[in-house]
PDB file of N, CA and C in Angstrom:
ATOM      1  N   MET A   1       0.811  -1.190   0.000  1.00  0.00           N
ATOM      2  CA  MET A   1       0.000   0.000   0.000  1.00  0.00           C
ATOM      3  C   MET A   1       0.860   1.261   0.000  1.00  0.00           C
ATOM      4  N   ALA A   2       1.959   1.230  -0.696  1.00  0.00           N
ATOM      5  CA  ALA A   2       2.815   2.394  -0.770  1.00  0.00           C
ATOM      6  C   ALA A   2       2.141   3.538  -1.523  1.00  0.00           C
ATOM      7  N   GLN A   3       1.210   3.214  -2.413  1.00  0.00           N
ATOM      8  CA  GLN A   3       0.530   4.245  -3.174  1.00  0.00           C
ATOM      9  C   GLN A   3      -0.313   5.139  -2.266  1.00  0.00           C
ATOM     10  N   ALA A   4      -0.874   4.590  -1.233  1.00  0.00           N
ATOM     11  CA  ALA A   4      -1.736   5.370  -0.343  1.00  0.00           C
ATOM     12  C   ALA A   4      -0.931   6.385   0.475  1.00  0.00           C
ATOM     13  N   LEU A   5       0.356   6.181   0.641  1.00  0.00           N
ATOM     14  CA  LEU A   5       1.170   7.079   1.444  1.00  0.00           C
ATOM     15  C   LEU A   5       1.824   8.189   0.622  1.00  0.00           C
ATOM     16  N   ARG A   6       1.730   8.120  -0.687  1.00  0.00           N
ATOM     17  CA  ARG A   6       2.334   9.118  -1.545  1.00  0.00           C
ATOM     18  C   ARG A   6       1.546  10.421  -1.503  1.00  0.00           C
ATOM     19  N   PRO A   7       2.203  11.561  -1.319  1.00  0.00           N
ATOM     20  CA  PRO A   7       1.464  12.828  -1.301  1.00  0.00           C
ATOM     21  C   PRO A   7       1.034  13.231  -2.709  1.00  0.00           C
ATOM     22  N   ASN A   8      -0.046  13.954  -2.777  1.00  0.00           N
ATOM     23  CA  ASN A   8      -0.538  14.468  -4.051  1.00  0.00           C
ATOM     24  C   ASN A   8       0.212  15.760  -4.360  1.00  0.00           C
ATOM     25  N   THR A   9       1.118  15.711  -5.320  1.00  0.00           N
ATOM     26  CA  THR A   9       1.930  16.885  -5.663  1.00  0.00           C
ATOM     27  C   THR A   9       1.388  17.628  -6.872  1.00  0.00           C
ATOM     28  N   ALA A  10       0.300  17.156  -7.461  1.00  0.00           N
ATOM     29  CA  ALA A  10      -0.225  17.809  -8.656  1.00  0.00           C
ATOM     30  C   ALA A  10      -0.669  19.231  -8.331  1.00  0.00           C
ATOM     31  N   GLY A  11      -1.475  19.396  -7.325  1.00  0.00           N
ATOM     32  CA  GLY A  11      -1.831  20.716  -6.852  1.00  0.00           C
ATOM     33  C   GLY A  11      -2.631  21.569  -7.808  1.00  0.00           C
ATOM     34  N   GLY A  12      -3.213  21.005  -8.829  1.00  0.00           N
ATOM     35  CA  GLY A  12      -3.986  21.814  -9.757  1.00  0.00           C
ATOM     36  C   GLY A  12      -4.773  20.958 -10.720  1.00  0.00           C
ATOM     37  N   LEU A  13      -5.354  21.628 -11.683  1.00  0.00           N
ATOM     38  CA  LEU A  13      -6.171  20.937 -12.661  1.00  0.00           C
ATOM     39  C   LEU A  13      -5.322  20.078 -13.592  1.00  0.00           C
ATOM     40  N   PHE A  14      -4.154  20.558 -13.957  1.00  0.00           N
ATOM     41  CA  PHE A  14      -3.306  19.827 -14.888  1.00  0.00           C
ATOM     42  C   PHE A  14      -2.201  19.095 -14.144  1.00  0.00           C
ATOM     43  N   ALA A  15      -1.830  17.941 -14.685  1.00  0.00           N
ATOM     44  CA  ALA A  15      -0.782  17.148 -14.058  1.00  0.00           C
ATOM     45  C   ALA A  15       0.565  17.838 -14.223  1.00  0.00           C
ATOM     46  N   THR A  16       1.315  17.883 -13.160  1.00  0.00           N
ATOM     47  CA  THR A  16       2.655  18.451 -13.220  1.00  0.00           C
ATOM     48  C   THR A  16       3.582  17.589 -12.387  1.00  0.00           C
ATOM     49  N   ASP A  17       4.833  17.612 -12.695  1.00  0.00           N
ATOM     50  CA  ASP A  17       5.785  16.800 -11.957  1.00  0.00           C
ATOM     51  C   ASP A  17       6.498  17.585 -10.867  1.00  0.00           C
ATOM     52  N   GLY A  18       6.145  18.842 -10.687  1.00  0.00           N
ATOM     53  CA  GLY A  18       6.733  19.642  -9.627  1.00  0.00           C
ATOM     54  C   GLY A  18       8.126  20.163  -9.923  1.00  0.00           C
ATOM     55  N   LYS A  19       8.604  19.988 -11.129  1.00  0.00           N
ATOM     56  CA  LYS A  19       9.932  20.450 -11.513  1.00  0.00           C
ATOM     57  C   LYS A  19       9.801  21.642 -12.457  1.00  0.00           C
ATOM     58  N   PRO A  20      10.754  22.553 -12.461  1.00  0.00           N
ATOM     59  CA  PRO A  20      10.695  23.675 -13.402  1.00  0.00           C
ATOM     60  C   PRO A  20      11.078  23.236 -14.817  1.00  0.00           C
ATOM     61  N   HIS A  21      10.397  23.787 -15.780  1.00  0.00           N
ATOM     62  CA  HIS A  21      10.669  23.513 -17.194  1.00  0.00           C
ATOM     63  C   HIS A  21      10.725  24.854 -17.926  1.00  0.00           C
ATOM     64  N   PRO A  22      11.820  25.603 -17.795  1.00  0.00           N
ATOM     65  CA  PRO A  22      11.853  26.957 -18.376  1.00  0.00           C
ATOM     66  C   PRO A  22      11.769  26.987 -19.899  1.00  0.00           C
ATOM     67  N   LEU A  23      12.407  26.057 -20.589  1.00  0.00           N
ATOM     68  CA  LEU A  23      12.354  26.053 -22.050  1.00  0.00           C
ATOM     69  C   LEU A  23      10.941  25.747 -22.536  1.00  0.00           C
ATOM     70  N   GLN A  24      10.311  24.756 -21.941  1.00  0.00           N
ATOM     71  CA  GLN A  24       8.957  24.387 -22.332  1.00  0.00           C
ATOM     72  C   GLN A  24       7.967  25.504 -22.025  1.00  0.00           C
ATOM     73  N   ASP A  25       8.147  26.163 -20.885  1.00  0.00           N
ATOM     74  CA  ASP A  25       7.260  27.268 -20.536  1.00  0.00           C
ATOM     75  C   ASP A  25       7.456  28.457 -21.467  1.00  0.00           C
ATOM     76  N   ALA A  26       8.687  28.706 -21.877  1.00  0.00           N
ATOM     77  CA  ALA A  26       8.949  29.795 -22.819  1.00  0.00           C
ATOM     78  C   ALA A  26       8.334  29.488 -24.182  1.00  0.00           C
ATOM     79  N   LEU A  27       8.461  28.254 -24.644  1.00  0.00           N
ATOM     80  CA  LEU A  27       7.842  27.875 -25.912  1.00  0.00           C
ATOM     81  C   LEU A  27       6.325  27.956 -25.834  1.00  0.00           C
ATOM     82  N   LEU A  28       5.768  27.600 -24.691  1.00  0.00           N
ATOM     83  CA  LEU A  28       4.326  27.708 -24.485  1.00  0.00           C
ATOM     84  C   LEU A  28       3.885  29.167 -24.590  1.00  0.00           C
ATOM     85  N   ALA A  29       4.589  30.054 -23.923  1.00  0.00           N
ATOM     86  CA  ALA A  29       4.227  31.478 -23.950  1.00  0.00           C
ATOM     87  C   ALA A  29       4.375  32.061 -25.355  1.00  0.00           C
ATOM     88  N   VAL A  30       5.466  31.732 -26.026  1.00  0.00           N
ATOM     89  CA  VAL A  30       5.701  32.256 -27.375  1.00  0.00           C
ATOM     90  C   VAL A  30       4.635  31.741 -28.338  1.00  0.00           C
ATOM     91  N   THR A  31       4.303  30.463 -28.238  1.00  0.00           N
ATOM     92  CA  THR A  31       3.291  29.887 -29.120  1.00  0.00           C
ATOM     93  C   THR A  31       1.931  30.515 -28.879  1.00  0.00           C
ATOM     94  N   LEU A  32       1.566  30.737 -27.625  1.00  0.00           N
ATOM     95  CA  LEU A  32       0.281  31.372 -27.333  1.00  0.00           C
ATOM     96  C   LEU A  32       0.231  32.807 -27.853  1.00  0.00           C
ATOM     97  N   VAL A  33       1.296  33.566 -27.652  1.00  0.00           N
ATOM     98  CA  VAL A  33       1.314  34.959 -28.123  1.00  0.00           C
ATOM     99  C   VAL A  33       1.260  35.014 -29.649  1.00  0.00           C
ATOM    100  N   LEU A  34       2.052  34.177 -30.310  1.00  0.00           N
ATOM    101  CA  LEU A  34       2.038  34.158 -31.769  1.00  0.00           C
ATOM    102  C   LEU A  34       0.698  33.667 -32.308  1.00  0.00           C
ATOM    103  N   GLY A  35       0.120  32.666 -31.664  1.00  0.00           N
ATOM    104  CA  GLY A  35      -1.171  32.148 -32.101  1.00  0.00           C
ATOM    105  C   GLY A  35      -2.281  33.167 -31.965  1.00  0.00           C
ATOM    106  N   ILE A  36      -2.326  33.864 -30.841  1.00  0.00           N
ATOM    107  CA  ILE A  36      -3.355  34.884 -30.642  1.00  0.00           C
ATOM    108  C   ILE A  36      -3.156  36.040 -31.616  1.00  0.00           C
ATOM    109  N   THR A  37      -1.907  36.455 -31.806  1.00  0.00           N
ATOM    110  CA  THR A  37      -1.619  37.533 -32.753  1.00  0.00           C
ATOM    111  C   THR A  37      -2.025  37.145 -34.171  1.00  0.00           C
ATOM    112  N   SER A  38      -1.683  35.944 -34.565  1.00  0.00           N
ATOM    113  CA  SER A  38      -2.023  35.473 -35.902  1.00  0.00           C
ATOM    114  C   SER A  38      -3.527  35.366 -36.084  1.00  0.00           C
ATOM    115  N   PHE A  39      -4.221  34.851 -35.085  1.00  0.00           N
ATOM    116  CA  PHE A  39      -5.664  34.675 -35.171  1.00  0.00           C
ATOM    117  C   PHE A  39      -6.382  36.022 -35.268  1.00  0.00           C
ATOM    118  N   VAL A  40      -5.978  36.971 -34.440  1.00  0.00           N
ATOM    119  CA  VAL A  40      -6.639  38.277 -34.426  1.00  0.00           C
ATOM    120  C   VAL A  40      -6.347  39.053 -35.707  1.00  0.00           C
ATOM    121  N   THR A  41      -5.101  39.055 -36.152  1.00  0.00           N
ATOM    122  CA  THR A  41      -4.763  39.817 -37.352  1.00  0.00           C
ATOM    123  C   THR A  41      -5.297  39.167 -38.622  1.00  0.00           C
ATOM    124  N   ALA A  42      -5.640  37.892 -38.576  1.00  0.00           N
ATOM    125  CA  ALA A  42      -6.201  37.226 -39.752  1.00  0.00           C
ATOM    126  C   ALA A  42      -7.607  37.730 -40.065  1.00  0.00           C
ATOM    127  N   MET A  43      -8.243  38.385 -39.122  1.00  0.00           N
ATOM    128  CA  MET A  43      -9.586  38.910 -39.359  1.00  0.00           C
ATOM    129  C   MET A  43      -9.567  40.182 -40.210  1.00  0.00           C
ATOM    130  N   PHE A  44      -8.377  40.737 -40.433  1.00  0.00           N
ATOM    131  CA  PHE A  44      -8.237  41.948 -41.240  1.00  0.00           C
ATOM    132  C   PHE A  44      -7.484  41.593 -42.521  1.00  0.00           C
ATOM    133  N   HIS A  45      -8.122  41.831 -43.643  1.00  0.00           N
ATOM    134  CA  HIS A  45      -7.571  41.421 -44.937  1.00  0.00           C
ATOM    135  C   HIS A  45      -6.212  42.064 -45.217  1.00  0.00           C
ATOM    136  N   SER A  46      -6.016  43.295 -44.820  1.00  0.00           N
ATOM    137  CA  SER A  46      -4.771  43.994 -45.132  1.00  0.00           C
ATOM    138  C   SER A  46      -3.588  43.556 -44.267  1.00  0.00           C
ATOM    139  N   LEU A  47      -3.829  42.795 -43.219  1.00  0.00           N
ATOM    140  CA  LEU A  47      -2.751  42.332 -42.336  1.00  0.00           C
ATOM    141  C   LEU A  47      -2.346  40.888 -42.621  1.00  0.00           C
ATOM    142  N   HIS A  48      -2.508  40.458 -43.860  1.00  0.00           N
ATOM    143  CA  HIS A  48      -2.215  39.065 -44.197  1.00  0.00           C
ATOM    144  C   HIS A  48      -0.744  38.713 -44.030  1.00  0.00           C
ATOM    145  N   LEU A  49       0.160  39.665 -44.243  1.00  0.00           N
ATOM    146  CA  LEU A  49       1.584  39.372 -44.047  1.00  0.00           C
ATOM    147  C   LEU A  49       1.877  39.047 -42.585  1.00  0.00           C
ATOM    148  N   LEU A  50       1.343  39.857 -41.686  1.00  0.00           N
ATOM    149  CA  LEU A  50       1.557  39.631 -40.255  1.00  0.00           C
ATOM    150  C   LEU A  50       0.910  38.328 -39.801  1.00  0.00           C
ATOM    151  N   SER A  51      -0.308  38.086 -40.225  1.00  0.00           N
ATOM    152  CA  SER A  51      -0.996  36.880 -39.767  1.00  0.00           C
ATOM    153  C   SER A  51      -0.361  35.611 -40.330  1.00  0.00           C
ATOM    154  N   SER A  52       0.065  35.639 -41.572  1.00  0.00           N
ATOM    155  CA  SER A  52       0.658  34.423 -42.145  1.00  0.00           C
ATOM    156  C   SER A  52       2.034  34.130 -41.541  1.00  0.00           C
ATOM    157  N   TRP A  53       2.857  35.159 -41.343  1.00  0.00           N
ATOM    158  CA  TRP A  53       4.190  34.922 -40.780  1.00  0.00           C
ATOM    159  C   TRP A  53       4.130  34.540 -39.299  1.00  0.00           C
ATOM    160  N   THR A  54       3.297  35.241 -38.513  1.00  0.00           N
ATOM    161  CA  THR A  54       3.189  34.860 -37.098  1.00  0.00           C
ATOM    162  C   THR A  54       2.562  33.491 -36.953  1.00  0.00           C
ATOM    163  N   GLY A  55       1.640  33.155 -37.845  1.00  0.00           N
ATOM    164  CA  GLY A  55       1.059  31.813 -37.817  1.00  0.00           C
ATOM    165  C   GLY A  55       2.080  30.736 -38.136  1.00  0.00           C
ATOM    166  N   LEU A  56       2.909  30.986 -39.136  1.00  0.00           N
ATOM    167  CA  LEU A  56       3.936  30.005 -39.505  1.00  0.00           C
ATOM    168  C   LEU A  56       4.948  29.798 -38.378  1.00  0.00           C
ATOM    169  N   VAL A  57       5.423  30.890 -37.806  1.00  0.00           N
ATOM    170  CA  VAL A  57       6.382  30.781 -36.703  1.00  0.00           C
ATOM    171  C   VAL A  57       5.721  30.148 -35.481  1.00  0.00           C
ATOM    172  N   GLY A  58       4.452  30.472 -35.237  1.00  0.00           N
ATOM    173  CA  GLY A  58       3.718  29.865 -34.129  1.00  0.00           C
ATOM    174  C   GLY A  58       3.541  28.366 -34.304  1.00  0.00           C
ATOM    175  N   ILE A  59       3.301  27.924 -35.515  1.00  0.00           N
ATOM    176  CA  ILE A  59       3.178  26.484 -35.788  1.00  0.00           C
ATOM    177  C   ILE A  59       4.516  25.785 -35.549  1.00  0.00           C
ATOM    178  N   ILE A  60       5.598  26.401 -35.985  1.00  0.00           N
ATOM    179  CA  ILE A  60       6.925  25.786 -35.811  1.00  0.00           C
ATOM    180  C   ILE A  60       7.295  25.706 -34.336  1.00  0.00           C
ATOM    181  N   THR A  61       7.121  26.816 -33.597  1.00  0.00           N
ATOM    182  CA  THR A  61       7.468  26.783 -32.173  1.00  0.00           C
ATOM    183  C   THR A  61       6.541  25.854 -31.397  1.00  0.00           C
ATOM    184  N   GLY A  62       5.279  25.814 -31.769  1.00  0.00           N
ATOM    185  CA  GLY A  62       4.342  24.915 -31.095  1.00  0.00           C
ATOM    186  C   GLY A  62       4.652  23.449 -31.361  1.00  0.00           C
ATOM    187  N   ALA A  63       5.050  23.140 -32.578  1.00  0.00           N
ATOM    188  CA  ALA A  63       5.391  21.753 -32.901  1.00  0.00           C
ATOM    189  C   ALA A  63       6.638  21.311 -32.133  1.00  0.00           C
ATOM    190  N   TYR A  64       7.634  22.194 -32.052  1.00  0.00           N
ATOM    191  CA  TYR A  64       8.823  21.847 -31.278  1.00  0.00           C
ATOM    192  C   TYR A  64       8.490  21.745 -29.793  1.00  0.00           C
ATOM    193  N   GLY A  65       7.628  22.629 -29.317  1.00  0.00           N
ATOM    194  CA  GLY A  65       7.202  22.558 -27.925  1.00  0.00           C
ATOM    195  C   GLY A  65       6.464  21.271 -27.611  1.00  0.00           C
ATOM    196  N   GLN A  66       5.637  20.810 -28.532  1.00  0.00           N
ATOM    197  CA  GLN A  66       4.945  19.534 -28.336  1.00  0.00           C
ATOM    198  C   GLN A  66       5.939  18.380 -28.289  1.00  0.00           C
ATOM    199  N   TRP A  67       6.968  18.488 -29.090  1.00  0.00           N
ATOM    200  CA  TRP A  67       7.959  17.417 -29.158  1.00  0.00           C
ATOM    201  C   TRP A  67       8.718  17.273 -27.842  1.00  0.00           C
ATOM    202  N   ILE A  68       9.007  18.400 -27.169  1.00  0.00           N
ATOM    203  CA  ILE A  68       9.801  18.328 -25.946  1.00  0.00           C
ATOM    204  C   ILE A  68       8.977  18.553 -24.683  1.00  0.00           C
ATOM    205  N   SER A  69       7.651  18.661 -24.805  1.00  0.00           N
ATOM    206  CA  SER A  69       6.830  18.946 -23.626  1.00  0.00           C
ATOM    207  C   SER A  69       6.841  17.771 -22.653  1.00  0.00           C
ATOM    208  N   VAL A  70       6.646  18.106 -21.375  1.00  0.00           N
ATOM    209  CA  VAL A  70       6.733  17.106 -20.319  1.00  0.00           C
ATOM    210  C   VAL A  70       5.391  16.907 -19.632  1.00  0.00           C
ATOM    211  N   THR A  71       4.660  17.976 -19.386  1.00  0.00           N
ATOM    212  CA  THR A  71       3.442  17.881 -18.593  1.00  0.00           C
ATOM    213  C   THR A  71       2.204  18.133 -19.446  1.00  0.00           C
ATOM    214  N   THR A  72       1.071  17.749 -18.902  1.00  0.00           N
ATOM    215  CA  THR A  72      -0.200  17.953 -19.579  1.00  0.00           C
ATOM    216  C   THR A  72      -0.521  19.435 -19.705  1.00  0.00           C
ATOM    217  N   ARG A  73      -0.157  20.234 -18.723  1.00  0.00           N
ATOM    218  CA  ARG A  73      -0.390  21.680 -18.771  1.00  0.00           C
ATOM    219  C   ARG A  73       0.292  22.298 -19.980  1.00  0.00           C
ATOM    220  N   GLU A  74       1.515  21.898 -20.225  1.00  0.00           N
ATOM    221  CA  GLU A  74       2.243  22.426 -21.382  1.00  0.00           C
ATOM    222  C   GLU A  74       1.578  21.997 -22.684  1.00  0.00           C
ATOM    223  N   ARG A  75       1.202  20.745 -22.764  1.00  0.00           N
ATOM    224  CA  ARG A  75       0.591  20.241 -23.999  1.00  0.00           C
ATOM    225  C   ARG A  75      -0.751  20.905 -24.272  1.00  0.00           C
ATOM    226  N   PHE A  76      -1.530  21.148 -23.228  1.00  0.00           N
ATOM    227  CA  PHE A  76      -2.833  21.778 -23.385  1.00  0.00           C
ATOM    228  C   PHE A  76      -2.677  23.193 -23.942  1.00  0.00           C
ATOM    229  N   GLY A  77      -1.796  23.975 -23.355  1.00  0.00           N
ATOM    230  CA  GLY A  77      -1.570  25.335 -23.832  1.00  0.00           C
ATOM    231  C   GLY A  77      -0.984  25.366 -25.231  1.00  0.00           C
ATOM    232  N   LEU A  78      -0.097  24.425 -25.527  1.00  0.00           N
ATOM    233  CA  LEU A  78       0.500  24.372 -26.857  1.00  0.00           C
ATOM    234  C   LEU A  78      -0.543  24.041 -27.922  1.00  0.00           C
ATOM    235  N   ILE A  79      -1.479  23.161 -27.608  1.00  0.00           N
ATOM    236  CA  ILE A  79      -2.531  22.827 -28.567  1.00  0.00           C
ATOM    237  C   ILE A  79      -3.419  24.036 -28.837  1.00  0.00           C
ATOM    238  N   LEU A  80      -3.731  24.809 -27.799  1.00  0.00           N
ATOM    239  CA  LEU A  80      -4.510  26.031 -28.012  1.00  0.00           C
ATOM    240  C   LEU A  80      -3.754  27.021 -28.898  1.00  0.00           C
ATOM    241  N   GLY A  81      -2.472  27.214 -28.613  1.00  0.00           N
ATOM    242  CA  GLY A  81      -1.658  28.115 -29.424  1.00  0.00           C
ATOM    243  C   GLY A  81      -1.484  27.622 -30.848  1.00  0.00           C
ATOM    244  N   LEU A  82      -1.291  26.317 -31.003  1.00  0.00           N
ATOM    245  CA  LEU A  82      -1.147  25.742 -32.342  1.00  0.00           C
ATOM    246  C   LEU A  82      -2.421  25.901 -33.150  1.00  0.00           C
ATOM    247  N   GLY A  83      -3.557  25.697 -32.530  1.00  0.00           N
ATOM    248  CA  GLY A  83      -4.836  25.851 -33.234  1.00  0.00           C
ATOM    249  C   GLY A  83      -5.044  27.274 -33.701  1.00  0.00           C
ATOM    250  N   ALA A  84      -4.794  28.228 -32.816  1.00  0.00           N
ATOM    251  CA  ALA A  84      -4.953  29.640 -33.188  1.00  0.00           C
ATOM    252  C   ALA A  84      -3.956  30.028 -34.270  1.00  0.00           C
ATOM    253  N   ALA A  85      -2.715  29.559 -34.151  1.00  0.00           N
ATOM    254  CA  ALA A  85      -1.701  29.869 -35.161  1.00  0.00           C
ATOM    255  C   ALA A  85      -2.057  29.242 -36.502  1.00  0.00           C
ATOM    256  N   GLY A  86      -2.578  28.036 -36.477  1.00  0.00           N
ATOM    257  CA  GLY A  86      -2.968  27.373 -37.726  1.00  0.00           C
ATOM    258  C   GLY A  86      -4.104  28.089 -38.431  1.00  0.00           C
ATOM    259  N   VAL A  87      -5.122  28.480 -37.677  1.00  0.00           N
ATOM    260  CA  VAL A  87      -6.242  29.217 -38.278  1.00  0.00           C
ATOM    261  C   VAL A  87      -5.753  30.552 -38.828  1.00  0.00           C
ATOM    262  N   GLY A  88      -4.952  31.271 -38.053  1.00  0.00           N
ATOM    263  CA  GLY A  88      -4.422  32.547 -38.521  1.00  0.00           C
ATOM    264  C   GLY A  88      -3.531  32.389 -39.740  1.00  0.00           C
ATOM    265  N   PHE A  89      -2.715  31.339 -39.743  1.00  0.00           N
ATOM    266  CA  PHE A  89      -1.836  31.092 -40.885  1.00  0.00           C
ATOM    267  C   PHE A  89      -2.643  30.818 -42.149  1.00  0.00           C
ATOM    268  N   PHE A  90      -3.629  29.949 -42.058  1.00  0.00           N
ATOM    269  CA  PHE A  90      -4.395  29.601 -43.258  1.00  0.00           C
ATOM    270  C   PHE A  90      -5.257  30.758 -43.750  1.00  0.00           C
ATOM    271  N   LEU A  91      -5.813  31.547 -42.839  1.00  0.00           N
ATOM    272  CA  LEU A  91      -6.562  32.723 -43.283  1.00  0.00           C
ATOM    273  C   LEU A  91      -5.630  33.774 -43.877  1.00  0.00           C
ATOM    274  N   GLY A  92      -4.448  33.923 -43.310  1.00  0.00           N
ATOM    275  CA  GLY A  92      -3.460  34.835 -43.886  1.00  0.00           C
ATOM    276  C   GLY A  92      -3.024  34.390 -45.269  1.00  0.00           C
ATOM    277  N   MET A  93      -2.876  33.085 -45.452  1.00  0.00           N
ATOM    278  CA  MET A  93      -2.523  32.565 -46.772  1.00  0.00           C
ATOM    279  C   MET A  93      -3.656  32.798 -47.769  1.00  0.00           C
ATOM    280  N   ALA A  94      -4.890  32.672 -47.316  1.00  0.00           N
ATOM    281  CA  ALA A  94      -6.036  32.892 -48.206  1.00  0.00           C
ATOM    282  C   ALA A  94      -6.178  34.360 -48.587  1.00  0.00           C
ATOM    283  N   HIS A  95      -5.727  35.265 -47.719  1.00  0.00           N
ATOM    284  CA  HIS A  95      -5.854  36.694 -48.002  1.00  0.00           C
ATOM    285  C   HIS A  95      -4.694  37.259 -48.799  1.00  0.00           C
ATOM    286  N   GLY A  96      -3.658  36.504 -49.029  1.00  0.00           N
ATOM    287  CA  GLY A  96      -2.551  37.042 -49.826  1.00  0.00           C
ATOM    288  C   GLY A  96      -1.241  36.323 -49.624  1.00  0.00           C
ATOM    289  N   GLY A  97      -1.121  35.535 -48.565  1.00  0.00           N
ATOM    290  CA  GLY A  97       0.068  34.727 -48.384  1.00  0.00           C
ATOM    291  C   GLY A  97       1.237  35.407 -47.717  1.00  0.00           C
ATOM    292  N   LEU A  98       2.340  34.709 -47.723  1.00  0.00           N
ATOM    293  CA  LEU A  98       3.557  35.165 -47.041  1.00  0.00           C
ATOM    294  C   LEU A  98       4.224  36.335 -47.759  1.00  0.00           C
ATOM    295  N   PHE A  99       4.108  36.389 -49.050  1.00  0.00           N
ATOM    296  CA  PHE A  99       4.767  37.440 -49.829  1.00  0.00           C
ATOM    297  C   PHE A  99       3.800  38.202 -50.709  1.00  0.00           C
ATOM    298  N   GLY A 100       2.509  38.078 -50.468  1.00  0.00           N
ATOM    299  CA  GLY A 100       1.504  38.715 -51.319  1.00  0.00           C
ATOM    300  C   GLY A 100       1.644  40.223 -51.347  1.00  0.00           C
ATOM    301  N   GLY A 101       1.754  40.780 -52.534  1.00  0.00           N
ATOM    302  CA  GLY A 101       1.856  42.222 -52.698  1.00  0.00           C
ATOM    303  C   GLY A 101       3.261  42.766 -52.613  1.00  0.00           C
ATOM    304  N   LEU A 102       4.232  41.941 -52.280  1.00  0.00           N
ATOM    305  CA  LEU A 102       5.610  42.430 -52.173  1.00  0.00           C
ATOM    306  C   LEU A 102       6.351  42.342 -53.501  1.00  0.00           C
ATOM    307  N   PHE A 103       5.987  41.385 -54.323  1.00  0.00           N
ATOM    308  CA  PHE A 103       6.676  41.186 -55.596  1.00  0.00           C
ATOM    309  C   PHE A 103       5.766  41.504 -56.754  1.00  0.00           C
TER     310      PHE A 103
END
């Protein structure tokens, strides 16, 4: 019955191992900021360059973050950021793309 004596260290809604993960947390924050920026700017047709580039970078950072993530909290936030970045990227591509109007 060693399991019954183990303390509950999760302390929240998402599972955590109680250790710091600065790289994963930084990737989570960057992916969320890029995803929200891409999603919001995709609603404006003239901001397609910003939305497509921030979406692309958000997808790349989110994918790398998923690859090295450790806890469920990190994965949950990364999926939200990846979804927003993906929607913003595809709408930005539909409005003119990565280089639309530059050449």
